[in-house]
Protein backbone atom coordinates (compact mmCIF):
# COMPACT_ATOMS: atom_id res chain seq x y z
CA MET A 1 28.31 57.31 -28.16
CA GLN A 2 28.39 53.80 -29.57
CA SER A 3 28.99 53.48 -33.27
CA PRO A 4 25.64 51.85 -34.18
CA MET A 5 23.73 54.55 -32.30
CA ALA A 6 25.83 57.24 -33.95
CA VAL A 7 24.65 55.97 -37.34
CA TRP A 8 21.02 56.49 -36.32
CA VAL A 9 21.77 59.95 -34.97
CA VAL A 10 23.32 60.88 -38.32
CA LEU A 11 20.38 59.38 -40.22
CA GLY A 12 17.98 61.32 -38.00
CA ALA A 13 19.94 64.50 -38.63
CA VAL A 14 19.77 63.86 -42.39
CA CYS A 15 16.01 63.38 -42.07
CA ILE A 16 15.67 66.71 -40.23
CA ALA A 17 17.92 68.54 -42.69
CA PHE A 18 16.06 67.12 -45.68
CA HIS A 19 12.59 68.09 -44.52
CA ILE A 20 13.57 71.50 -43.14
CA GLY A 21 15.60 72.09 -46.29
CA LEU A 22 12.56 71.42 -48.48
CA VAL A 23 10.77 74.34 -46.79
CA PHE A 24 13.54 76.79 -47.66
CA SER A 25 14.73 75.38 -50.99
CA GLY A 26 11.76 76.30 -53.15
CA LEU A 27 10.00 73.99 -55.60
CA ILE A 28 11.32 70.44 -55.92
CA PRO A 29 9.54 67.93 -58.18
CA ASN A 30 7.08 65.75 -56.30
CA LEU A 31 8.55 62.61 -57.88
CA VAL A 32 11.83 63.57 -56.22
CA SER A 33 10.84 64.75 -52.74
CA ARG A 34 8.19 62.12 -52.04
CA PRO A 35 10.23 59.02 -53.01
CA LEU A 36 13.16 60.39 -50.99
CA HIS A 37 10.80 60.83 -48.04
CA LEU A 38 9.92 57.14 -48.26
CA ALA A 39 13.57 56.17 -48.69
CA LEU A 40 14.47 57.97 -45.45
CA ALA A 41 11.65 56.19 -43.61
CA LEU A 42 12.55 52.64 -44.66
CA PRO A 43 15.64 52.09 -42.42
CA TRP A 44 13.81 53.20 -39.27
CA ILE A 45 11.06 50.63 -39.70
CA PHE A 46 12.99 47.71 -41.16
CA LEU A 47 16.31 48.03 -39.29
CA PHE A 48 15.90 50.23 -36.20
CA GLN A 49 12.72 48.72 -34.69
CA PRO A 50 13.18 44.94 -34.96
CA ASP A 51 16.28 44.70 -32.71
CA SER A 52 14.48 42.38 -30.27
CA ALA A 53 13.34 40.11 -33.09
CA ALA A 54 16.92 39.80 -34.28
CA GLN A 55 17.80 38.08 -30.98
CA GLN A 56 15.37 35.22 -31.60
CA SER A 57 16.35 31.88 -33.06
CA ASN A 58 15.50 33.05 -36.56
CA GLY A 59 16.96 36.47 -35.90
CA LYS A 60 19.73 36.26 -38.50
CA ILE A 61 17.32 35.27 -41.27
CA ARG A 62 14.91 38.01 -40.21
CA LEU A 63 17.68 40.59 -40.14
CA LEU A 64 18.87 39.55 -43.60
CA LEU A 65 15.32 39.86 -44.96
CA ASP A 66 14.94 43.26 -43.33
CA ARG A 67 18.15 44.48 -44.95
CA ILE A 68 17.12 43.17 -48.35
CA LEU A 69 13.71 44.86 -48.15
CA CYS A 70 15.31 48.10 -46.99
CA ILE A 71 17.99 48.14 -49.71
CA VAL A 72 15.55 47.19 -52.48
CA GLY A 73 13.03 49.79 -51.30
CA ILE A 74 15.63 52.56 -51.12
CA SER A 75 16.97 51.59 -54.56
CA LEU A 76 13.49 51.80 -56.11
CA CYS A 77 12.82 55.17 -54.48
CA LEU A 78 16.15 56.55 -55.69
CA ALA A 79 15.51 55.20 -59.19
CA ILE A 80 12.16 57.00 -59.33
CA ALA A 81 13.70 60.24 -58.04
CA LEU A 82 16.59 60.09 -60.54
CA GLN A 83 14.33 59.23 -63.50
CA HIS A 84 11.40 61.47 -62.55
CA SER A 85 11.45 63.36 -65.87
CA ALA A 86 11.37 60.24 -68.02
CA LEU A 87 8.74 58.60 -65.80
CA GLY A 88 6.59 61.70 -66.02
CA ASP A 89 6.48 61.29 -69.79
CA GLN A 90 4.89 57.84 -69.35
CA TYR A 91 1.74 59.45 -67.85
CA GLY A 92 1.26 56.71 -65.29
CA TYR A 93 1.58 53.75 -67.68
CA LEU A 94 4.25 51.12 -67.08
CA ALA A 95 6.26 50.65 -70.24
CA ASN A 96 7.14 46.96 -69.89
CA ASN A 97 6.89 43.91 -67.67
CA THR A 98 10.13 44.78 -65.86
CA GLN A 99 8.56 48.03 -64.65
CA LEU A 100 5.44 46.05 -63.71
CA VAL A 101 7.47 43.72 -61.48
CA LEU A 102 9.31 46.65 -59.90
CA ALA A 103 6.01 48.44 -59.23
CA LEU A 104 4.56 45.35 -57.55
CA THR A 105 7.76 45.01 -55.51
CA LEU A 106 7.50 48.61 -54.32
CA ILE A 107 3.87 48.15 -53.29
CA VAL A 108 4.70 44.96 -51.39
CA ILE A 109 7.49 46.80 -49.55
CA VAL A 110 5.13 49.64 -48.62
CA LEU A 111 2.55 47.15 -47.30
CA GLU A 112 5.20 45.37 -45.24
CA LEU A 113 6.53 48.72 -44.03
CA ALA A 114 3.11 49.59 -42.63
CA ARG A 115 2.63 46.13 -41.16
CA ARG A 116 5.91 46.38 -39.29
CA ALA A 117 5.05 49.87 -38.07
CA ILE A 118 1.41 49.53 -36.96
CA GLY A 119 0.28 45.92 -37.46
CA TRP A 120 -1.74 44.13 -40.10
CA PRO A 121 -5.19 45.89 -40.27
CA LEU A 122 -4.31 48.90 -42.47
CA PRO A 123 -2.12 46.89 -44.87
CA ALA A 124 -4.94 44.31 -45.08
CA VAL A 125 -7.42 47.02 -46.07
CA SER A 126 -4.93 48.37 -48.62
CA LEU A 127 -4.38 44.90 -50.05
CA LEU A 128 -8.14 44.35 -50.38
CA ALA A 129 -8.44 47.70 -52.17
CA LEU A 130 -5.60 46.74 -54.51
CA MET A 131 -7.19 43.38 -55.29
CA TYR A 132 -10.46 45.17 -56.01
CA GLY A 133 -8.66 47.45 -58.45
CA LEU A 134 -6.98 44.54 -60.20
CA LEU A 135 -9.87 42.05 -60.24
CA GLY A 136 -13.03 44.09 -59.61
CA GLN A 137 -14.15 43.83 -63.23
CA HIS A 138 -15.28 40.28 -62.43
CA LEU A 139 -17.75 41.48 -59.77
CA PRO A 140 -21.41 41.57 -60.79
CA GLY A 141 -23.72 44.51 -60.28
CA GLU A 142 -23.02 48.09 -59.34
CA PHE A 143 -19.62 47.44 -57.77
CA GLY A 144 -18.16 45.93 -60.92
CA PHE A 145 -16.34 48.14 -63.43
CA SER A 146 -14.57 48.02 -66.75
CA ALA A 147 -11.22 46.29 -66.54
CA ILE A 148 -8.22 48.52 -65.83
CA PRO A 149 -4.95 47.22 -67.32
CA TRP A 150 -2.45 46.28 -64.64
CA HIS A 151 0.19 48.46 -66.31
CA SER A 152 -2.13 51.44 -65.98
CA LEU A 153 -3.41 50.87 -62.43
CA LEU A 154 -0.03 50.01 -60.95
CA GLY A 155 1.61 52.77 -62.97
CA ASN A 156 -0.75 55.36 -61.52
CA LEU A 157 0.07 54.04 -58.05
CA THR A 158 3.87 53.99 -58.42
CA ILE A 159 5.26 56.29 -61.13
CA ALA A 160 2.69 59.10 -61.35
CA GLU A 161 1.68 61.82 -58.89
CA GLY A 162 -1.18 59.71 -57.61
CA GLY A 163 -1.28 56.65 -55.42
CA LEU A 164 1.94 56.44 -53.43
CA TRP A 165 3.14 59.86 -54.53
CA GLY A 166 -0.22 61.63 -54.32
CA LYS A 167 -1.63 64.33 -52.06
CA LEU A 168 -1.28 62.35 -48.86
CA ALA A 169 2.43 61.79 -49.45
CA GLY A 170 2.80 65.50 -50.17
CA ILE A 171 1.18 66.35 -46.84
CA SER A 172 3.49 63.93 -45.05
CA VAL A 173 6.71 65.21 -46.59
CA ASN A 174 5.93 68.92 -46.74
CA THR A 175 3.96 69.57 -43.56
CA VAL A 176 3.48 66.69 -41.13
CA ALA A 177 7.18 65.80 -41.06
CA VAL A 178 8.15 69.38 -40.23
CA PHE A 179 5.75 69.53 -37.27
CA VAL A 180 6.83 66.08 -36.08
CA ILE A 181 10.42 67.30 -36.11
CA PHE A 182 9.37 70.40 -34.17
CA GLY A 183 7.74 68.20 -31.52
CA ALA A 184 10.78 65.91 -31.29
CA VAL A 185 13.17 68.83 -30.82
CA LEU A 186 10.84 70.47 -28.30
CA ASN A 187 10.52 67.29 -26.23
CA ALA A 188 14.27 66.65 -26.21
CA GLY A 189 14.73 69.65 -23.90
CA GLU A 190 12.93 71.00 -20.86
CA ALA A 191 9.55 71.45 -22.57
CA GLY A 192 8.21 68.24 -21.03
CA SER A 193 9.12 69.49 -17.57
CA GLY A 194 7.45 72.78 -18.45
CA PHE A 195 4.22 71.01 -19.38
CA MET A 196 4.15 69.07 -16.11
CA ASN A 197 5.17 72.01 -13.92
CA LEU A 198 2.52 74.28 -15.40
CA ALA A 199 -0.15 71.60 -15.13
CA THR A 200 0.80 70.84 -11.54
CA ALA A 201 0.90 74.52 -10.55
CA VAL A 202 -2.52 75.19 -12.11
CA GLY A 203 -4.45 72.08 -11.12
CA GLY A 204 -2.48 70.36 -8.40
CA ARG A 205 -4.06 72.14 -5.42
CA LEU A 206 -7.65 71.51 -6.56
CA VAL A 207 -9.95 68.62 -5.71
CA GLY A 208 -8.92 65.78 -7.97
CA GLY A 209 -5.70 67.70 -8.51
CA ALA A 210 -3.62 64.81 -9.83
CA ALA A 211 -6.32 63.94 -12.36
CA LYS A 212 -6.55 67.58 -13.43
CA VAL A 213 -2.79 67.70 -13.81
CA SER A 214 -3.21 64.78 -16.21
CA VAL A 215 -5.84 66.72 -18.18
CA ILE A 216 -3.73 69.87 -18.55
CA SER A 217 -0.42 68.13 -19.26
CA SER A 218 -2.02 65.77 -21.78
CA ALA A 219 -3.68 68.69 -23.58
CA LEU A 220 -0.32 70.46 -23.85
CA PHE A 221 1.78 67.44 -24.72
CA GLY A 222 -0.81 65.84 -26.96
CA SER A 223 -0.99 68.94 -29.10
CA ILE A 224 2.57 68.36 -30.29
CA SER A 225 2.73 64.56 -30.14
CA GLY A 226 -0.47 63.90 -32.11
CA SER A 227 -0.55 60.37 -30.70
CA ALA A 228 -2.78 59.17 -27.88
CA SER A 229 -0.53 56.20 -27.15
CA ALA A 230 2.63 58.33 -26.97
CA ASN A 231 0.78 60.79 -24.78
CA VAL A 232 -0.33 58.11 -22.30
CA ALA A 233 3.16 56.64 -22.13
CA SER A 234 4.86 60.01 -21.53
CA THR A 235 2.58 62.04 -19.27
CA GLY A 236 1.11 58.89 -17.75
CA ALA A 237 4.54 57.88 -16.48
CA ILE A 238 4.27 60.82 -14.06
CA THR A 239 0.53 61.30 -13.46
CA LEU A 240 -0.53 57.67 -13.04
CA PRO A 241 1.87 56.83 -10.16
CA THR A 242 0.89 60.11 -8.50
CA MET A 243 -2.83 59.29 -8.69
CA LYS A 244 -2.17 55.77 -7.42
CA ARG A 245 -0.14 57.11 -4.49
CA LEU A 246 -2.97 59.50 -3.57
CA GLY A 247 -5.47 56.64 -3.47
CA TYR A 248 -7.46 57.33 -6.64
CA PRO A 249 -9.44 54.30 -7.86
CA PRO A 250 -7.10 52.65 -10.41
CA ALA A 251 -9.76 52.32 -13.13
CA PHE A 252 -10.70 55.99 -12.86
CA ALA A 253 -7.06 57.14 -12.78
CA ALA A 254 -6.19 55.14 -15.90
CA ALA A 255 -9.37 56.35 -17.65
CA THR A 256 -8.53 59.98 -16.93
CA GLU A 257 -5.11 59.64 -18.52
CA ALA A 258 -6.46 57.70 -21.53
CA VAL A 259 -9.22 60.22 -22.26
CA ALA A 260 -7.08 63.31 -21.77
CA SER A 261 -4.34 61.84 -23.95
CA SER A 262 -6.83 61.08 -26.74
CA GLY A 263 -8.02 64.67 -26.76
CA GLY A 264 -4.53 65.96 -27.48
CA GLN A 265 -5.00 65.10 -31.15
CA ILE A 266 -7.73 67.75 -31.51
CA MET A 267 -6.05 70.40 -29.34
CA PRO A 268 -4.67 73.50 -31.13
CA PRO A 269 -2.23 74.94 -31.94
CA LEU A 270 -0.64 71.84 -33.52
CA MET A 271 -3.23 69.03 -33.26
CA GLY A 272 -2.45 65.69 -34.88
CA ALA A 273 -1.35 64.71 -38.35
CA GLY A 274 -5.02 64.54 -39.38
CA ALA A 275 -5.26 68.33 -39.19
CA PHE A 276 -2.63 68.73 -41.90
CA VAL A 277 -4.35 66.13 -44.05
CA MET A 278 -7.57 68.12 -43.57
CA VAL A 279 -5.87 71.23 -44.94
CA GLU A 280 -5.16 69.48 -48.21
CA LEU A 281 -8.49 67.70 -48.51
CA THR A 282 -10.67 70.73 -47.71
CA GLY A 283 -8.56 73.52 -49.19
CA ILE A 284 -9.06 75.47 -45.94
CA ALA A 285 -6.00 77.20 -44.51
CA TYR A 286 -4.39 75.57 -41.51
CA THR A 287 -5.02 78.67 -39.44
CA GLY A 288 -8.72 78.39 -40.29
CA ILE A 289 -8.87 74.79 -39.09
CA VAL A 290 -7.04 75.72 -35.88
CA ALA A 291 -9.43 78.62 -35.26
CA ALA A 292 -12.46 76.38 -35.87
CA SER A 293 -11.12 73.75 -33.46
CA VAL A 294 -10.38 76.01 -30.50
CA LEU A 295 -13.85 76.01 -28.93
CA PRO A 296 -14.67 72.31 -29.55
CA ALA A 297 -11.29 71.24 -28.14
CA THR A 298 -11.73 73.48 -25.11
CA LEU A 299 -15.17 71.98 -24.58
CA PHE A 300 -13.71 68.49 -24.67
CA PHE A 301 -11.21 69.17 -21.89
CA PHE A 302 -13.84 71.14 -19.99
CA ALA A 303 -16.07 68.05 -20.09
CA VAL A 304 -13.25 65.89 -18.69
CA TRP A 305 -12.53 68.50 -15.99
CA VAL A 306 -16.22 68.63 -14.96
CA GLY A 307 -16.34 64.85 -15.04
CA ILE A 308 -13.52 64.74 -12.48
CA ASN A 309 -15.48 67.12 -10.25
CA ALA A 310 -18.59 64.96 -10.64
CA TYR A 311 -16.72 61.77 -9.78
CA SER A 312 -15.16 63.45 -6.73
CA ARG A 313 -18.67 63.42 -5.17
CA ARG A 314 -18.53 59.63 -5.29
CA SER A 315 -14.91 58.99 -4.32
CA THR A 316 -12.38 61.14 -2.48
CA LEU A 317 -9.91 62.58 -4.98
CA ALA A 318 -7.16 64.27 -3.01
CA PRO A 319 -5.13 67.19 -4.35
CA VAL A 320 -1.42 66.82 -5.04
CA ASP A 321 0.78 66.87 -1.94
CA GLU A 322 2.15 70.35 -1.28
CA LYS A 323 5.66 68.92 -1.19
CA LEU A 324 5.30 67.82 -4.82
CA LEU A 325 4.16 71.19 -6.12
CA PRO A 326 6.88 73.00 -8.11
CA ASP A 327 8.14 76.37 -6.93
CA ARG A 328 7.23 79.47 -8.91
CA ARG A 329 10.72 79.98 -10.32
CA SER A 330 10.87 76.44 -11.73
CA VAL A 331 7.44 76.87 -13.31
CA VAL A 332 8.33 80.17 -14.96
CA ILE A 333 11.68 78.98 -16.28
CA THR A 334 10.56 75.59 -17.60
CA VAL A 335 7.39 77.02 -19.15
CA MET A 336 9.53 79.30 -21.28
CA PHE A 337 11.10 76.27 -22.94
CA PHE A 338 7.83 75.53 -24.72
CA ALA A 339 6.16 78.95 -24.53
CA VAL A 340 8.87 80.70 -26.57
CA PRO A 341 8.83 78.22 -29.52
CA PHE A 342 5.01 78.16 -29.41
CA ALA A 343 4.90 81.95 -29.44
CA VAL A 344 7.27 82.06 -32.43
CA LEU A 345 5.15 79.47 -34.25
CA LEU A 346 1.86 81.29 -33.66
CA ALA A 347 3.30 84.73 -34.38
CA ALA A 348 4.81 83.55 -37.65
CA MET A 349 1.52 81.96 -38.75
CA PHE A 350 -1.05 84.48 -37.55
CA LYS A 351 0.92 87.74 -37.52
CA GLY A 352 3.63 87.11 -40.08
CA GLY A 353 1.36 85.36 -42.56
CA PHE A 354 3.91 82.60 -43.21
CA THR A 355 2.92 79.07 -44.19
CA PRO A 356 2.55 76.58 -41.30
CA GLN A 357 5.61 74.60 -42.39
CA TYR A 358 7.76 77.73 -42.65
CA ALA A 359 6.57 78.89 -39.22
CA ALA A 360 7.26 75.43 -37.77
CA SER A 361 10.76 75.45 -39.26
CA ILE A 362 11.56 78.77 -37.58
CA ALA A 363 10.09 77.52 -34.30
CA THR A 364 12.20 74.34 -34.59
CA LEU A 365 15.37 76.40 -34.89
CA VAL A 366 14.37 78.34 -31.76
CA ALA A 367 13.63 75.10 -29.90
CA ALA A 368 17.01 73.72 -31.01
CA ILE A 369 18.78 76.78 -29.57
CA LEU A 370 16.98 76.21 -26.25
CA LEU A 371 18.49 72.71 -26.13
CA LEU A 372 21.77 74.41 -25.27
CA THR A 373 20.61 75.24 -21.76
CA ASN A 374 18.56 73.67 -18.94
CA GLN A 375 16.21 74.82 -16.21
CA SER A 376 19.23 75.91 -14.15
CA LEU A 377 20.15 78.13 -17.11
CA GLY A 378 23.50 76.40 -17.26
CA PHE A 379 25.43 74.71 -20.07
CA ASP A 380 26.45 71.07 -19.97
CA TRP A 381 28.11 69.82 -23.14
CA ALA A 382 27.36 66.15 -22.39
CA GLN A 383 23.71 66.98 -21.78
CA VAL A 384 23.54 69.01 -24.98
CA LYS A 385 24.92 66.10 -27.02
CA THR A 386 22.45 63.71 -25.44
CA ARG A 387 19.56 66.07 -26.18
CA PHE A 388 20.49 66.59 -29.82
CA ALA A 389 20.97 62.85 -30.28
CA ALA A 390 17.54 62.20 -28.75
CA ALA A 391 15.97 64.85 -30.98
CA CYS A 392 17.49 63.31 -34.11
CA ILE A 393 16.52 59.73 -33.25
CA ASN A 394 12.97 60.57 -32.15
CA ALA A 395 12.41 62.77 -35.20
CA GLY A 396 13.58 60.03 -37.56
CA ARG A 397 11.43 57.37 -35.89
CA GLN A 398 8.28 59.48 -35.70
CA VAL A 399 8.57 60.76 -39.28
CA ALA A 400 9.01 57.17 -40.45
CA LEU A 401 5.94 55.99 -38.51
CA ILE A 402 3.73 58.69 -40.03
CA ALA A 403 5.17 58.00 -43.48
CA ALA A 404 4.41 54.28 -43.18
CA ILE A 405 0.76 55.05 -42.40
CA ILE A 406 0.43 57.72 -45.10
CA PHE A 407 1.98 55.70 -47.92
CA CYS A 408 -0.13 52.64 -47.10
CA ALA A 409 -3.32 54.72 -46.96
CA SER A 410 -2.31 56.31 -50.28
CA ILE A 411 -2.79 52.94 -51.99
CA ILE A 412 -6.43 52.91 -50.85
CA ILE A 413 -7.03 56.48 -52.00
CA GLY A 414 -5.41 55.75 -55.35
CA VAL A 415 -7.64 52.72 -55.95
CA LEU A 416 -10.76 54.64 -54.87
CA GLY A 417 -10.01 57.29 -57.47
CA ALA A 418 -9.13 54.87 -60.26
CA THR A 419 -12.15 52.59 -59.85
CA GLY A 420 -14.82 55.07 -58.76
CA LEU A 421 -15.43 52.98 -55.62
CA GLY A 422 -15.62 56.11 -53.47
CA VAL A 423 -18.52 57.46 -55.52
CA LYS A 424 -20.33 54.11 -55.28
CA ILE A 425 -19.98 53.96 -51.49
CA THR A 426 -21.17 57.56 -51.25
CA SER A 427 -24.27 56.61 -53.25
CA LEU A 428 -24.81 53.63 -50.97
CA ILE A 429 -24.70 55.85 -47.87
CA LEU A 430 -27.16 58.29 -49.43
CA SER A 431 -29.47 55.44 -50.33
CA ALA A 432 -29.25 53.72 -46.95
CA SER A 433 -29.92 56.97 -45.09
CA GLY A 434 -32.99 57.73 -47.19
CA GLY A 435 -31.51 61.09 -48.11
CA LEU A 436 -31.69 62.23 -44.45
CA LEU A 437 -28.72 63.84 -42.71
CA TRP A 438 -28.90 62.32 -39.23
CA PRO A 439 -29.14 58.68 -40.36
CA ALA A 440 -26.19 59.38 -42.66
CA LEU A 441 -24.27 60.81 -39.69
CA LEU A 442 -25.04 57.68 -37.68
CA LEU A 443 -23.81 55.41 -40.48
CA THR A 444 -20.67 57.51 -40.86
CA ALA A 445 -20.00 57.49 -37.11
CA LEU A 446 -20.35 53.70 -37.01
CA ALA A 447 -17.99 53.34 -39.98
CA CYS A 448 -15.42 55.60 -38.30
CA LEU A 449 -15.71 53.66 -35.07
CA ILE A 450 -15.32 50.24 -36.70
CA LEU A 451 -12.44 51.31 -38.93
CA GLY A 452 -10.77 53.32 -36.18
CA MET A 453 -10.55 50.20 -34.02
CA GLU A 454 -8.22 48.64 -36.56
CA VAL A 455 -6.15 51.47 -38.01
CA PRO A 456 -4.57 54.69 -36.65
CA THR A 457 -6.72 57.79 -36.32
CA THR A 458 -5.28 59.59 -39.33
CA ALA A 459 -5.74 56.59 -41.62
CA ALA A 460 -9.30 56.00 -40.35
CA TYR A 461 -10.12 59.66 -40.95
CA VAL A 462 -8.68 59.67 -44.48
CA ILE A 463 -10.50 56.51 -45.55
CA CYS A 464 -13.85 57.43 -43.99
CA VAL A 465 -13.88 61.01 -45.19
CA SER A 466 -12.97 59.90 -48.70
CA VAL A 467 -16.10 57.77 -48.99
CA ALA A 468 -18.55 59.39 -46.55
CA GLY A 469 -17.48 63.02 -46.73
CA PRO A 470 -19.06 63.72 -50.14
CA ALA A 471 -22.35 62.19 -48.95
CA LEU A 472 -22.47 64.37 -45.83
CA ILE A 473 -21.66 67.47 -47.87
CA GLU A 474 -24.35 66.60 -50.39
CA LEU A 475 -26.82 66.32 -47.51
CA GLY A 476 -26.08 69.86 -46.38
CA LEU A 477 -22.99 69.93 -44.16
CA GLU A 478 -20.22 72.42 -44.82
CA PRO A 479 -16.95 70.70 -45.82
CA LEU A 480 -15.23 71.67 -42.55
CA GLN A 481 -18.17 70.35 -40.52
CA ALA A 482 -18.09 67.04 -42.36
CA HIS A 483 -14.34 66.62 -41.99
CA LEU A 484 -14.25 67.54 -38.30
CA PHE A 485 -17.20 65.23 -37.62
CA VAL A 486 -15.37 62.30 -39.21
CA PHE A 487 -12.05 63.17 -37.56
CA TRP A 488 -13.55 63.35 -34.07
CA TYR A 489 -15.34 60.03 -34.46
CA ALA A 490 -12.16 58.46 -35.79
CA LEU A 491 -10.68 59.29 -32.38
CA LEU A 492 -13.31 57.22 -30.58
CA SER A 493 -11.38 53.99 -31.04
CA THR A 494 -8.79 55.15 -28.52
CA ILE A 495 -11.29 54.86 -25.65
CA THR A 496 -14.11 52.65 -27.02
CA PRO A 497 -14.11 48.83 -26.56
CA PRO A 498 -13.31 46.32 -27.83
CA VAL A 499 -10.13 47.81 -29.32
CA CYS A 500 -9.00 50.91 -27.40
CA GLY A 501 -5.27 51.53 -27.55
CA ALA A 502 -5.01 54.38 -25.03
CA VAL A 503 -7.10 52.42 -22.51
CA PHE A 504 -4.96 49.29 -22.90
CA ILE A 505 -1.74 51.23 -22.26
CA ALA A 506 -3.08 53.17 -19.27
CA ALA A 507 -4.62 50.02 -17.73
CA GLY A 508 -1.36 48.16 -18.22
CA MET A 509 0.66 50.90 -16.53
CA LEU A 510 -1.58 50.64 -13.43
CA GLN A 511 -2.05 46.88 -13.77
CA THR A 512 -5.83 47.09 -13.59
CA GLY A 513 -8.63 45.59 -15.71
CA TRP A 514 -8.97 47.34 -19.02
CA LEU A 515 -12.74 46.85 -19.31
CA ALA A 516 -13.41 48.85 -16.14
CA VAL A 517 -11.02 51.53 -17.43
CA ALA A 518 -12.90 51.64 -20.72
CA GLY A 519 -16.22 52.11 -18.93
CA HIS A 520 -14.92 55.08 -16.96
CA ALA A 521 -13.20 56.45 -20.07
CA MET A 522 -16.42 56.44 -22.09
CA ALA A 523 -18.20 58.33 -19.30
CA LEU A 524 -15.37 60.83 -18.86
CA GLY A 525 -14.96 61.18 -22.63
CA ILE A 526 -18.62 61.95 -23.24
CA GLY A 527 -17.49 65.13 -24.99
CA LEU A 528 -15.70 63.11 -27.65
CA TYR A 529 -19.03 61.47 -28.47
CA MET A 530 -21.33 64.48 -28.21
CA ILE A 531 -19.35 67.52 -29.40
CA PRO A 532 -19.31 66.39 -33.07
CA LEU A 533 -23.10 66.22 -32.92
CA GLY A 534 -23.08 69.71 -31.46
CA MET A 535 -20.98 70.90 -34.40
CA VAL A 536 -23.75 69.73 -36.72
CA ALA A 537 -26.66 71.05 -34.67
CA THR A 538 -24.86 74.35 -33.94
CA PRO A 539 -22.50 75.19 -36.83
CA SER A 540 -21.68 78.58 -35.29
CA LEU A 541 -19.53 76.71 -32.75
CA LEU A 542 -16.90 76.52 -35.51
CA ASN A 543 -17.16 80.19 -36.52
CA LEU A 544 -15.20 81.89 -33.74
CA THR A 545 -13.45 84.28 -36.10
CA THR A 546 -16.44 85.22 -38.27
CA GLN A 547 -19.34 85.00 -35.78
CA PRO A 548 -17.72 85.34 -32.33
CA VAL A 549 -20.92 86.20 -30.44
CA TYR A 550 -22.88 83.23 -31.79
CA ALA A 551 -19.82 80.99 -31.40
CA LEU A 552 -19.52 81.90 -27.71
CA LEU A 553 -23.26 81.42 -27.17
CA ALA A 554 -22.98 77.97 -28.74
CA PHE A 555 -19.95 77.31 -26.54
CA PHE A 556 -21.84 78.12 -23.35
CA LYS A 557 -24.85 76.04 -24.47
CA MET A 558 -22.58 73.06 -25.06
CA ALA A 559 -20.76 73.66 -21.76
CA VAL A 560 -24.05 73.43 -19.87
CA ALA A 561 -25.00 70.31 -21.85
CA LEU A 562 -21.69 68.60 -21.13
CA THR A 563 -21.94 69.50 -17.44
CA CYS A 564 -25.35 67.84 -17.27
CA LEU A 565 -24.02 64.77 -19.08
CA ALA A 566 -20.94 64.53 -16.85
CA TYR A 567 -22.94 64.70 -13.62
CA GLY A 568 -25.55 62.35 -15.02
CA CYS A 569 -22.91 59.76 -15.95
CA LEU A 570 -20.43 60.10 -13.07
CA ALA A 571 -21.98 61.72 -9.99
CA PRO A 572 -23.83 59.59 -7.42
CA GLY A 573 -27.60 59.95 -7.04
CA TYR A 574 -30.96 58.38 -7.78
CA TRP A 575 -31.35 56.89 -11.24
CA LEU A 576 -34.21 59.28 -12.09
CA LYS A 577 -32.09 62.33 -11.28
CA ARG A 578 -29.23 61.00 -13.38
CA PHE A 579 -31.55 60.14 -16.24
CA ILE A 580 -32.99 63.68 -16.23
CA LEU A 581 -29.49 65.17 -16.34
CA VAL A 582 -28.43 62.97 -19.26
CA PHE A 583 -31.69 63.63 -21.12
CA THR A 584 -31.33 67.39 -20.58
CA GLY A 585 -27.73 67.32 -21.78
CA CYS A 586 -28.65 65.43 -24.97
CA CYS A 587 -31.49 67.88 -25.67
CA LEU A 588 -29.13 70.84 -25.26
CA VAL A 589 -26.56 69.26 -27.60
CA ALA A 590 -29.24 68.83 -30.29
CA LEU A 591 -30.74 72.31 -29.72
CA PRO A 592 -29.96 74.36 -32.87
CA MET A 593 -28.56 77.86 -32.40
CA ALA A 594 -27.87 79.72 -35.62
CA PRO A 595 -27.79 83.39 -36.59
CA THR A 596 -30.90 84.64 -38.34
């Protein structure tokens, strides 16, 4: 192993040890654990990612700047962690101008960290929020407010348990990072092969088999990756060439992969990072959110599956070649590589009563042990070293990416709380909707869609639910309904033009026009658009554990509705027939079914 790569392996191992260690070490002050979490993320974004940029003509200057930002950022994080007791006694007020400059420096580094990681939109929103907090007293009317001293506002953002070190950062360091590490360790071994083998064995022989393999594998992989783009790039590398070889229309093949990959973020048992944020924001146990999401997520993939069947009436979708189907022994063995850690995770959470992060830590240790062998049940020391190195590097990179998003979004949340802007926007939504629920839902959905086009799903969910969630709850929704509604619509950006990341990647991998892919994706992903509305019209859909009979009745009603919509959108036929199917599906989605 080359020396530079060995450094990153060690840093990744430190990241894993730190976050797993937090689970077992008991209480550690938040102003220690959260700054250290940021410090561990900084090198991965500033030094690991921009290798290609360093080869440009200005590469040396860029590399020097990256190192300075990284060193200064780590120094500030360490200073906060070492002086957490003294800083706590300041109650979020910067004592002097030196602290003010250091606080501004830290915020600038966090904004640049996010920009390097995910682009400019989220940092731009955060910067606008910060400027509002600093200068909003000059605004006339309702959105103006009494001036907040810079020492107070920036102090709350940087040296108190709010802003950068608030609830979102706590979720990232204590929960999301642990599950990201679990996914990285799982994917370093044979689990990926297990996903594909199981999907191919189950769906490969059916009509549209390659597309259905994409649906199953993306549901399995997406549950642990929590990223539509990562899902497309990983499972799509196998499913897209297969569909192309079998003669599937390129636009439809790419759309299938994009839609299925997007749905992975709402697929239990792990779901995406947004699920862990939802735990903190709603106060509902993680197991409760998972239980509530089972039926809606199943409906989503059912809708994609039925959509493939509907499209097969228009275009021949061949099954996977028999020669490419895995043998039973390979399926059984490789499936165990993800089934065993998953079983440990679920048993620890649901049977053992342990916290999700504790259960994930135990499951990670089991997954790490399985890295010692392969699907031949043999031991290869070189392969083991490669796997552990990959697990460490991928864990460090993915934890850093999530941290960059979370810390940048934390600035927005901190400003919303300090200025009361969230309450004002909530009042605006209530006023614009005329106090009616469905217009408020429409406004919220549009806000999620617009914001989700520019920022990652988790950030879009956090921002939208912070300002629109209270309005929806005031209009009669249960907190979990409101949060799931916002989270699902935040996912829409992955398949909805004009900015649709999963569609762009899938279209690029098949070298086909992205607009045609987006059109097919929106038709295939009709569940992503309609199921949130069904959650509102039929709340029992979310109550599988408390009202199983009504939940299953709601499930079957939605299944029929989605089948009508899929055939209306994708199957060939006269326009009147298709219109009747779509109209019937929409009516069934809106049909209320509640226990009396």
